[in-house]
Amino acid sequence: MNSKPETLCVPIPIEGSISWEDWLKGRRFRREAGNRVAPAIIRRASSSKDKRLRKLFNGERGLPFTPTEKL
């Protein structure tokens, strides 16, 4: 039996807290893993609330997307 896990993971210290850098590493890994099974962009092209959203977000339908690399 192989004791090595099939997927990589970022270890979380026993204290239960995680550093920002470790969180970013885990987020980057989760995003890459998710992109293997689903499209990267999942935002709907339009919705019934477009008028309200565009008014709130200066002509956009929501907050701008920030890639993990820029966080």
Foldseek 3Di string as FASTA:
>chain_A
DDPDDPDDAQDDDPVRDDDPVSVLVRVVRVLVVVVVPDPNDDDDPDDPCQVVCCVVDVHDNHDDDDDSVRD
